[in-house]
Amino acid sequence: MLKPLGDRIVVKVIEDTEQTSGGIFIPDSAKEKPQKGEVVAVGLGKMNEKGEREPMDVAVGQVVLYAKYAGTDVKQGDVTYKILSIKDALAIVEA
């Protein structure tokens, strides 16, 4: 498993459905990049000027929206993960 460093998080990318409600399949080349994922690992946080760790705004298990072209994609098996800086996480999706 991936363990992020500092103020980074690891997100399991949530792919949108590949078929429209009318039954039309969307090819990979026409799809938008996913911008939603489930947090699977959280770093310890950034060190501030006093040498203390700043708390992270997200926790494992939360679903977040992130910037479109942010982070680094990592593939393990058939699962795609994205390593993001916490500043690239835009919002937490609440049910």
PDB file of N, CA and C in Angstrom:
ATOM      1  N   MET A   1       0.841  -1.187   0.000  1.00  0.00           N
ATOM      2  CA  MET A   1       0.000   0.000   0.000  1.00  0.00           C
ATOM      3  C   MET A   1       0.881   1.243   0.000  1.00  0.00           C
ATOM      4  N   LEU A   2       0.346   2.314  -0.463  1.00  0.00           N
ATOM      5  CA  LEU A   2       1.078   3.579  -0.531  1.00  0.00           C
ATOM      6  C   LEU A   2       0.922   4.366   0.765  1.00  0.00           C
ATOM      7  N   LYS A   3       2.011   4.930   1.248  1.00  0.00           N
ATOM      8  CA  LYS A   3       1.966   5.770   2.449  1.00  0.00           C
ATOM      9  C   LYS A   3       2.453   7.166   2.048  1.00  0.00           C
ATOM     10  N   PRO A   4       1.555   8.149   2.035  1.00  0.00           N
ATOM     11  CA  PRO A   4       1.950   9.489   1.601  1.00  0.00           C
ATOM     12  C   PRO A   4       2.807  10.196   2.645  1.00  0.00           C
ATOM     13  N   LEU A   5       3.659  11.080   2.171  1.00  0.00           N
ATOM     14  CA  LEU A   5       4.537  11.847   3.038  1.00  0.00           C
ATOM     15  C   LEU A   5       4.019  13.268   3.206  1.00  0.00           C
ATOM     16  N   GLY A   6       4.306  13.879   4.331  1.00  0.00           N
ATOM     17  CA  GLY A   6       3.979  15.285   4.561  1.00  0.00           C
ATOM     18  C   GLY A   6       2.505  15.591   4.432  1.00  0.00           C
ATOM     19  N   ASP A   7       2.184  16.574   3.588  1.00  0.00           N
ATOM     20  CA  ASP A   7       0.796  17.013   3.443  1.00  0.00           C
ATOM     21  C   ASP A   7       0.135  16.421   2.195  1.00  0.00           C
ATOM     22  N   ARG A   8       0.458  15.175   1.891  1.00  0.00           N
ATOM     23  CA  ARG A   8      -0.129  14.522   0.720  1.00  0.00           C
ATOM     24  C   ARG A   8      -1.162  13.476   1.149  1.00  0.00           C
ATOM     25  N   ILE A   9      -2.053  13.169   0.204  1.00  0.00           N
ATOM     26  CA  ILE A   9      -3.056  12.130   0.421  1.00  0.00           C
ATOM     27  C   ILE A   9      -3.056  11.185  -0.770  1.00  0.00           C
ATOM     28  N   VAL A  10      -3.482   9.949  -0.546  1.00  0.00           N
ATOM     29  CA  VAL A  10      -3.659   8.982  -1.631  1.00  0.00           C
ATOM     30  C   VAL A  10      -5.152   8.761  -1.796  1.00  0.00           C
ATOM     31  N   VAL A  11      -5.615   8.912  -3.040  1.00  0.00           N
ATOM     32  CA  VAL A  11      -7.034   8.829  -3.360  1.00  0.00           C
ATOM     33  C   VAL A  11      -7.248   7.706  -4.358  1.00  0.00           C
ATOM     34  N   LYS A  12      -8.244   6.842  -4.088  1.00  0.00           N
ATOM     35  CA  LYS A  12      -8.647   5.814  -5.055  1.00  0.00           C
ATOM     36  C   LYS A  12      -9.628   6.488  -6.003  1.00  0.00           C
ATOM     37  N   VAL A  13      -9.264   6.565  -7.275  1.00  0.00           N
ATOM     38  CA  VAL A  13     -10.064   7.282  -8.267  1.00  0.00           C
ATOM     39  C   VAL A  13     -11.403   6.583  -8.465  1.00  0.00           C
ATOM     40  N   ILE A  14     -12.480   7.362  -8.430  1.00  0.00           N
ATOM     41  CA  ILE A  14     -13.830   6.844  -8.680  1.00  0.00           C
ATOM     42  C   ILE A  14     -14.187   7.196 -10.118  1.00  0.00           C
ATOM     43  N   GLU A  15     -14.274   6.167 -10.946  1.00  0.00           N
ATOM     44  CA  GLU A  15     -14.617   6.365 -12.360  1.00  0.00           C
ATOM     45  C   GLU A  15     -16.117   6.570 -12.499  1.00  0.00           C
ATOM     46  N   ASP A  16     -16.509   7.491 -13.371  1.00  0.00           N
ATOM     47  CA  ASP A  16     -17.921   7.662 -13.674  1.00  0.00           C
ATOM     48  C   ASP A  16     -18.382   6.523 -14.576  1.00  0.00           C
ATOM     49  N   THR A  17     -19.684   6.346 -14.681  1.00  0.00           N
ATOM     50  CA  THR A  17     -20.219   5.261 -15.506  1.00  0.00           C
ATOM     51  C   THR A  17     -19.828   5.462 -16.962  1.00  0.00           C
ATOM     52  N   GLU A  18     -19.654   4.362 -17.667  1.00  0.00           N
ATOM     53  CA  GLU A  18     -19.232   4.410 -19.062  1.00  0.00           C
ATOM     54  C   GLU A  18     -20.409   4.388 -20.026  1.00  0.00           C
ATOM     55  N   GLN A  19     -21.637   4.384 -19.508  1.00  0.00           N
ATOM     56  CA  GLN A  19     -22.820   4.310 -20.350  1.00  0.00           C
ATOM     57  C   GLN A  19     -23.790   5.409 -19.921  1.00  0.00           C
ATOM     58  N   THR A  20     -24.368   6.091 -20.895  1.00  0.00           N
ATOM     59  CA  THR A  20     -25.338   7.132 -20.591  1.00  0.00           C
ATOM     60  C   THR A  20     -26.666   6.496 -20.212  1.00  0.00           C
ATOM     61  N   SER A  21     -27.583   7.307 -19.680  1.00  0.00           N
ATOM     62  CA  SER A  21     -28.891   6.782 -19.297  1.00  0.00           C
ATOM     63  C   SER A  21     -29.667   6.285 -20.511  1.00  0.00           C
ATOM     64  N   GLY A  22     -29.332   6.786 -21.696  1.00  0.00           N
ATOM     65  CA  GLY A  22     -29.991   6.341 -22.925  1.00  0.00           C
ATOM     66  C   GLY A  22     -29.375   5.084 -23.500  1.00  0.00           C
ATOM     67  N   GLY A  23     -28.321   4.553 -22.850  1.00  0.00           N
ATOM     68  CA  GLY A  23     -27.713   3.306 -23.302  1.00  0.00           C
ATOM     69  C   GLY A  23     -26.511   3.483 -24.207  1.00  0.00           C
ATOM     70  N   ILE A  24     -26.050   4.702 -24.402  1.00  0.00           N
ATOM     71  CA  ILE A  24     -24.905   4.956 -25.281  1.00  0.00           C
ATOM     72  C   ILE A  24     -23.616   4.808 -24.473  1.00  0.00           C
ATOM     73  N   PHE A  25     -22.691   4.010 -25.001  1.00  0.00           N
ATOM     74  CA  PHE A  25     -21.401   3.840 -24.355  1.00  0.00           C
ATOM     75  C   PHE A  25     -20.461   4.962 -24.771  1.00  0.00           C
ATOM     76  N   ILE A  26     -19.743   5.502 -23.797  1.00  0.00           N
ATOM     77  CA  ILE A  26     -18.823   6.609 -24.056  1.00  0.00           C
ATOM     78  C   ILE A  26     -17.410   6.048 -24.171  1.00  0.00           C
ATOM     79  N   PRO A  27     -16.720   6.282 -25.302  1.00  0.00           N
ATOM     80  CA  PRO A  27     -15.351   5.779 -25.433  1.00  0.00           C
ATOM     81  C   PRO A  27     -14.397   6.521 -24.494  1.00  0.00           C
ATOM     82  N   ASP A  28     -13.284   5.843 -24.135  1.00  0.00           N
ATOM     83  CA  ASP A  28     -12.306   6.435 -23.217  1.00  0.00           C
ATOM     84  C   ASP A  28     -11.793   7.788 -23.704  1.00  0.00           C
ATOM     85  N   SER A  29     -11.624   7.940 -25.012  1.00  0.00           N
ATOM     86  CA  SER A  29     -11.078   9.186 -25.540  1.00  0.00           C
ATOM     87  C   SER A  29     -12.023  10.372 -25.365  1.00  0.00           C
ATOM     88  N   ALA A  30     -13.315  10.124 -25.181  1.00  0.00           N
ATOM     89  CA  ALA A  30     -14.290  11.205 -25.049  1.00  0.00           C
ATOM     90  C   ALA A  30     -14.628  11.515 -23.595  1.00  0.00           C
ATOM     91  N   LYS A  31     -14.113  10.725 -22.673  1.00  0.00           N
ATOM     92  CA  LYS A  31     -14.446  10.914 -21.258  1.00  0.00           C
ATOM     93  C   LYS A  31     -13.631  12.044 -20.652  1.00  0.00           C
ATOM     94  N   GLU A  32     -14.239  12.719 -19.686  1.00  0.00           N
ATOM     95  CA  GLU A  32     -13.524  13.714 -18.888  1.00  0.00           C
ATOM     96  C   GLU A  32     -12.660  12.965 -17.876  1.00  0.00           C
ATOM     97  N   LYS A  33     -11.569  13.594 -17.462  1.00  0.00           N
ATOM     98  CA  LYS A  33     -10.746  12.987 -16.407  1.00  0.00           C
ATOM     99  C   LYS A  33     -11.551  12.971 -15.117  1.00  0.00           C
ATOM    100  N   PRO A  34     -11.511  11.861 -14.370  1.00  0.00           N
ATOM    101  CA  PRO A  34     -12.243  11.814 -13.103  1.00  0.00           C
ATOM    102  C   PRO A  34     -11.705  12.867 -12.140  1.00  0.00           C
ATOM    103  N   GLN A  35     -12.583  13.414 -11.322  1.00  0.00           N
ATOM    104  CA  GLN A  35     -12.187  14.418 -10.348  1.00  0.00           C
ATOM    105  C   GLN A  35     -12.709  14.076  -8.961  1.00  0.00           C
ATOM    106  N   LYS A  36     -13.042  12.806  -8.754  1.00  0.00           N
ATOM    107  CA  LYS A  36     -13.594  12.383  -7.479  1.00  0.00           C
ATOM    108  C   LYS A  36     -12.904  11.103  -7.061  1.00  0.00           C
ATOM    109  N   GLY A  37     -12.650  10.978  -5.750  1.00  0.00           N
ATOM    110  CA  GLY A  37     -12.015   9.767  -5.275  1.00  0.00           C
ATOM    111  C   GLY A  37     -12.172   9.592  -3.776  1.00  0.00           C
ATOM    112  N   GLU A  38     -11.943   8.360  -3.344  1.00  0.00           N
ATOM    113  CA  GLU A  38     -12.030   8.019  -1.917  1.00  0.00           C
ATOM    114  C   GLU A  38     -10.626   8.064  -1.314  1.00  0.00           C
ATOM    115  N   VAL A  39     -10.484   8.759  -0.217  1.00  0.00           N
ATOM    116  CA  VAL A  39      -9.193   8.876   0.470  1.00  0.00           C
ATOM    117  C   VAL A  39      -8.860   7.526   1.099  1.00  0.00           C
ATOM    118  N   VAL A  40      -7.700   6.962   0.731  1.00  0.00           N
ATOM    119  CA  VAL A  40      -7.288   5.670   1.274  1.00  0.00           C
ATOM    120  C   VAL A  40      -6.083   5.791   2.204  1.00  0.00           C
ATOM    121  N   ALA A  41      -5.365   6.915   2.145  1.00  0.00           N
ATOM    122  CA  ALA A  41      -4.229   7.142   3.042  1.00  0.00           C
ATOM    123  C   ALA A  41      -3.981   8.641   3.166  1.00  0.00           C
ATOM    124  N   VAL A  42      -3.542   9.047   4.349  1.00  0.00           N
ATOM    125  CA  VAL A  42      -3.299  10.463   4.641  1.00  0.00           C
ATOM    126  C   VAL A  42      -1.920  10.598   5.271  1.00  0.00           C
ATOM    127  N   GLY A  43      -1.152  11.586   4.815  1.00  0.00           N
ATOM    128  CA  GLY A  43       0.162  11.854   5.397  1.00  0.00           C
ATOM    129  C   GLY A  43       0.028  12.444   6.798  1.00  0.00           C
ATOM    130  N   LEU A  44       1.145  12.659   7.447  1.00  0.00           N
ATOM    131  CA  LEU A  44       1.148  13.172   8.816  1.00  0.00           C
ATOM    132  C   LEU A  44       0.823  14.658   8.896  1.00  0.00           C
ATOM    133  N   GLY A  45       0.959  15.375   7.808  1.00  0.00           N
ATOM    134  CA  GLY A  45       0.696  16.813   7.799  1.00  0.00           C
ATOM    135  C   GLY A  45       1.970  17.606   7.587  1.00  0.00           C
ATOM    136  N   LYS A  46       1.796  18.845   7.232  1.00  0.00           N
ATOM    137  CA  LYS A  46       2.903  19.739   6.945  1.00  0.00           C
ATOM    138  C   LYS A  46       3.471  20.302   8.250  1.00  0.00           C
ATOM    139  N   MET A  47       4.772  20.489   8.293  1.00  0.00           N
ATOM    140  CA  MET A  47       5.409  21.100   9.464  1.00  0.00           C
ATOM    141  C   MET A  47       5.286  22.617   9.339  1.00  0.00           C
ATOM    142  N   ASN A  48       4.840  23.273  10.410  1.00  0.00           N
ATOM    143  CA  ASN A  48       4.753  24.730  10.378  1.00  0.00           C
ATOM    144  C   ASN A  48       6.067  25.345  10.867  1.00  0.00           C
ATOM    145  N   GLU A  49       6.103  26.655  10.971  1.00  0.00           N
ATOM    146  CA  GLU A  49       7.333  27.351  11.350  1.00  0.00           C
ATOM    147  C   GLU A  49       7.790  27.040  12.773  1.00  0.00           C
ATOM    148  N   LYS A  50       6.864  26.600  13.624  1.00  0.00           N
ATOM    149  CA  LYS A  50       7.199  26.272  15.011  1.00  0.00           C
ATOM    150  C   LYS A  50       7.684  24.828  15.164  1.00  0.00           C
ATOM    151  N   GLY A  51       7.691  24.078  14.051  1.00  0.00           N
ATOM    152  CA  GLY A  51       8.115  22.687  14.108  1.00  0.00           C
ATOM    153  C   GLY A  51       7.007  21.735  14.510  1.00  0.00           C
ATOM    154  N   GLU A  52       5.772  22.206  14.467  1.00  0.00           N
ATOM    155  CA  GLU A  52       4.613  21.375  14.815  1.00  0.00           C
ATOM    156  C   GLU A  52       3.901  20.944  13.542  1.00  0.00           C
ATOM    157  N   ARG A  53       3.256  19.784  13.606  1.00  0.00           N
ATOM    158  CA  ARG A  53       2.494  19.290  12.462  1.00  0.00           C
ATOM    159  C   ARG A  53       1.133  19.979  12.401  1.00  0.00           C
ATOM    160  N   GLU A  54       0.758  20.439  11.205  1.00  0.00           N
ATOM    161  CA  GLU A  54      -0.572  21.006  11.007  1.00  0.00           C
ATOM    162  C   GLU A  54      -1.533  19.853  10.732  1.00  0.00           C
ATOM    163  N   PRO A  55      -2.716  19.857  11.341  1.00  0.00           N
ATOM    164  CA  PRO A  55      -3.662  18.750  11.118  1.00  0.00           C
ATOM    165  C   PRO A  55      -4.172  18.731   9.675  1.00  0.00           C
ATOM    166  N   MET A  56      -4.449  17.533   9.196  1.00  0.00           N
ATOM    167  CA  MET A  56      -4.986  17.365   7.834  1.00  0.00           C
ATOM    168  C   MET A  56      -6.492  17.590   7.863  1.00  0.00           C
ATOM    169  N   ASP A  57      -7.028  18.121   6.769  1.00  0.00           N
ATOM    170  CA  ASP A  57      -8.455  18.428   6.672  1.00  0.00           C
ATOM    171  C   ASP A  57      -9.305  17.236   6.262  1.00  0.00           C
ATOM    172  N   VAL A  58      -8.687  16.163   5.807  1.00  0.00           N
ATOM    173  CA  VAL A  58      -9.440  14.990   5.353  1.00  0.00           C
ATOM    174  C   VAL A  58      -9.006  13.765   6.139  1.00  0.00           C
ATOM    175  N   ALA A  59      -9.857  12.741   6.104  1.00  0.00           N
ATOM    176  CA  ALA A  59      -9.568  11.491   6.798  1.00  0.00           C
ATOM    177  C   ALA A  59      -9.808  10.320   5.848  1.00  0.00           C
ATOM    178  N   VAL A  60      -9.211   9.195   6.164  1.00  0.00           N
ATOM    179  CA  VAL A  60      -9.393   7.978   5.368  1.00  0.00           C
ATOM    180  C   VAL A  60     -10.884   7.632   5.322  1.00  0.00           C
ATOM    181  N   GLY A  61     -11.374   7.284   4.122  1.00  0.00           N
ATOM    182  CA  GLY A  61     -12.770   6.900   3.941  1.00  0.00           C
ATOM    183  C   GLY A  61     -13.641   8.011   3.383  1.00  0.00           C
ATOM    184  N   GLN A  62     -13.179   9.254   3.473  1.00  0.00           N
ATOM    185  CA  GLN A  62     -13.972  10.351   2.924  1.00  0.00           C
ATOM    186  C   GLN A  62     -13.808  10.401   1.410  1.00  0.00           C
ATOM    187  N   VAL A  63     -14.853  10.904   0.729  1.00  0.00           N
ATOM    188  CA  VAL A  63     -14.810  11.094  -0.720  1.00  0.00           C
ATOM    189  C   VAL A  63     -14.546  12.574  -0.967  1.00  0.00           C
ATOM    190  N   VAL A  64     -13.547  12.851  -1.828  1.00  0.00           N
ATOM    191  CA  VAL A  64     -13.174  14.232  -2.107  1.00  0.00           C
ATOM    192  C   VAL A  64     -13.248  14.539  -3.601  1.00  0.00           C
ATOM    193  N   LEU A  65     -13.454  15.813  -3.890  1.00  0.00           N
ATOM    194  CA  LEU A  65     -13.308  16.327  -5.251  1.00  0.00           C
ATOM    195  C   LEU A  65     -11.941  16.980  -5.306  1.00  0.00           C
ATOM    196  N   TYR A  66     -11.235  16.792  -6.423  1.00  0.00           N
ATOM    197  CA  TYR A  66      -9.904  17.371  -6.536  1.00  0.00           C
ATOM    198  C   TYR A  66      -9.750  18.069  -7.881  1.00  0.00           C
ATOM    199  N   ALA A  67      -8.739  18.909  -7.977  1.00  0.00           N
ATOM    200  CA  ALA A  67      -8.480  19.681  -9.188  1.00  0.00           C
ATOM    201  C   ALA A  67      -8.256  18.742 -10.377  1.00  0.00           C
ATOM    202  N   LYS A  68      -8.719  19.162 -11.533  1.00  0.00           N
ATOM    203  CA  LYS A  68      -8.757  18.312 -12.727  1.00  0.00           C
ATOM    204  C   LYS A  68      -7.409  17.699 -13.111  1.00  0.00           C
ATOM    205  N   TYR A  69      -6.362  18.476 -13.137  1.00  0.00           N
ATOM    206  CA  TYR A  69      -5.063  17.967 -13.598  1.00  0.00           C
ATOM    207  C   TYR A  69      -4.061  17.827 -12.455  1.00  0.00           C
ATOM    208  N   ALA A  70      -4.550  17.698 -11.244  1.00  0.00           N
ATOM    209  CA  ALA A  70      -3.689  17.644 -10.062  1.00  0.00           C
ATOM    210  C   ALA A  70      -3.160  16.239  -9.818  1.00  0.00           C
ATOM    211  N   GLY A  71      -2.066  16.180  -9.103  1.00  0.00           N
ATOM    212  CA  GLY A  71      -1.558  14.916  -8.595  1.00  0.00           C
ATOM    213  C   GLY A  71      -0.830  14.044  -9.596  1.00  0.00           C
ATOM    214  N   THR A  72      -0.429  12.892  -9.101  1.00  0.00           N
ATOM    215  CA  THR A  72       0.301  11.900  -9.881  1.00  0.00           C
ATOM    216  C   THR A  72      -0.483  10.597  -9.869  1.00  0.00           C
ATOM    217  N   ASP A  73      -0.732  10.040 -11.057  1.00  0.00           N
ATOM    218  CA  ASP A  73      -1.461   8.779 -11.163  1.00  0.00           C
ATOM    219  C   ASP A  73      -0.522   7.612 -10.885  1.00  0.00           C
ATOM    220  N   VAL A  74      -1.006   6.656 -10.094  1.00  0.00           N
ATOM    221  CA  VAL A  74      -0.259   5.433  -9.787  1.00  0.00           C
ATOM    222  C   VAL A  74      -1.217   4.271  -9.961  1.00  0.00           C
ATOM    223  N   LYS A  75      -0.795   3.269 -10.715  1.00  0.00           N
ATOM    224  CA  LYS A  75      -1.654   2.116 -10.949  1.00  0.00           C
ATOM    225  C   LYS A  75      -1.069   0.913 -10.220  1.00  0.00           C
ATOM    226  N   GLN A  76      -1.908   0.261  -9.403  1.00  0.00           N
ATOM    227  CA  GLN A  76      -1.502  -0.973  -8.723  1.00  0.00           C
ATOM    228  C   GLN A  76      -2.544  -2.023  -9.074  1.00  0.00           C
ATOM    229  N   GLY A  77      -2.129  -3.006  -9.853  1.00  0.00           N
ATOM    230  CA  GLY A  77      -3.088  -3.993 -10.350  1.00  0.00           C
ATOM    231  C   GLY A  77      -4.031  -3.310 -11.309  1.00  0.00           C
ATOM    232  N   ASP A  78      -5.323  -3.450 -11.071  1.00  0.00           N
ATOM    233  CA  ASP A  78      -6.310  -2.801 -11.944  1.00  0.00           C
ATOM    234  C   ASP A  78      -6.938  -1.579 -11.276  1.00  0.00           C
ATOM    235  N   VAL A  79      -6.345  -1.117 -10.169  1.00  0.00           N
ATOM    236  CA  VAL A  79      -6.872   0.032  -9.430  1.00  0.00           C
ATOM    237  C   VAL A  79      -5.975   1.243  -9.670  1.00  0.00           C
ATOM    238  N   THR A  80      -6.587   2.386  -9.975  1.00  0.00           N
ATOM    239  CA  THR A  80      -5.846   3.621 -10.179  1.00  0.00           C
ATOM    240  C   THR A  80      -5.937   4.489  -8.932  1.00  0.00           C
ATOM    241  N   TYR A  81      -4.789   4.912  -8.454  1.00  0.00           N
ATOM    242  CA  TYR A  81      -4.706   5.818  -7.316  1.00  0.00           C
ATOM    243  C   TYR A  81      -4.114   7.131  -7.793  1.00  0.00           C
ATOM    244  N   LYS A  82      -4.366   8.169  -7.035  1.00  0.00           N
ATOM    245  CA  LYS A  82      -3.797   9.474  -7.325  1.00  0.00           C
ATOM    246  C   LYS A  82      -3.183   9.994  -6.035  1.00  0.00           C
ATOM    247  N   ILE A  83      -1.931  10.447  -6.118  1.00  0.00           N
ATOM    248  CA  ILE A  83      -1.266  11.062  -4.977  1.00  0.00           C
ATOM    249  C   ILE A  83      -1.376  12.566  -5.145  1.00  0.00           C
ATOM    250  N   LEU A  84      -2.030  13.207  -4.178  1.00  0.00           N
ATOM    251  CA  LEU A  84      -2.320  14.637  -4.257  1.00  0.00           C
ATOM    252  C   LEU A  84      -1.735  15.377  -3.072  1.00  0.00           C
ATOM    253  N   SER A  85      -1.406  16.632  -3.295  1.00  0.00           N
ATOM    254  CA  SER A  85      -1.124  17.525  -2.183  1.00  0.00           C
ATOM    255  C   SER A  85      -2.477  17.917  -1.596  1.00  0.00           C
ATOM    256  N   ILE A  86      -2.558  18.143  -0.313  1.00  0.00           N
ATOM    257  CA  ILE A  86      -3.835  18.471   0.326  1.00  0.00           C
ATOM    258  C   ILE A  86      -4.424  19.748  -0.269  1.00  0.00           C
ATOM    259  N   LYS A  87      -3.601  20.641  -0.787  1.00  0.00           N
ATOM    260  CA  LYS A  87      -4.110  21.881  -1.381  1.00  0.00           C
ATOM    261  C   LYS A  87      -4.890  21.623  -2.683  1.00  0.00           C
ATOM    262  N   ASP A  88      -4.689  20.451  -3.300  1.00  0.00           N
ATOM    263  CA  ASP A  88      -5.425  20.110  -4.521  1.00  0.00           C
ATOM    264  C   ASP A  88      -6.783  19.467  -4.240  1.00  0.00           C
ATOM    265  N   ALA A  89      -7.042  19.103  -2.990  1.00  0.00           N
ATOM    266  CA  ALA A  89      -8.359  18.580  -2.616  1.00  0.00           C
ATOM    267  C   ALA A  89      -9.271  19.807  -2.447  1.00  0.00           C
ATOM    268  N   LEU A  90     -10.335  19.858  -3.226  1.00  0.00           N
ATOM    269  CA  LEU A  90     -11.188  21.036  -3.266  1.00  0.00           C
ATOM    270  C   LEU A  90     -12.350  20.982  -2.291  1.00  0.00           C
ATOM    271  N   ALA A  91     -12.921  19.789  -2.093  1.00  0.00           N
ATOM    272  CA  ALA A  91     -14.110  19.671  -1.232  1.00  0.00           C
ATOM    273  C   ALA A  91     -14.285  18.219  -0.810  1.00  0.00           C
ATOM    274  N   ILE A  92     -14.977  18.052   0.319  1.00  0.00           N
ATOM    275  CA  ILE A  92     -15.374  16.722   0.790  1.00  0.00           C
ATOM    276  C   ILE A  92     -16.818  16.506   0.383  1.00  0.00           C
ATOM    277  N   VAL A  93     -17.112  15.365  -0.221  1.00  0.00           N
ATOM    278  CA  VAL A  93     -18.473  15.034  -0.635  1.00  0.00           C
ATOM    279  C   VAL A  93     -19.163  14.364   0.539  1.00  0.00           C
ATOM    280  N   GLU A  94     -20.226  14.996   1.039  1.00  0.00           N
ATOM    281  CA  GLU A  94     -20.970  14.422   2.157  1.00  0.00           C
ATOM    282  C   GLU A  94     -22.291  13.863   1.659  1.00  0.00           C
ATOM    283  N   ALA A  95     -22.685  12.742   2.222  1.00  0.00           N
ATOM    284  CA  ALA A  95     -23.929  12.087   1.788  1.00  0.00           C
ATOM    285  C   ALA A  95     -25.143  12.797   2.313  1.00  0.00           C
TER     286      ALA A  95
END
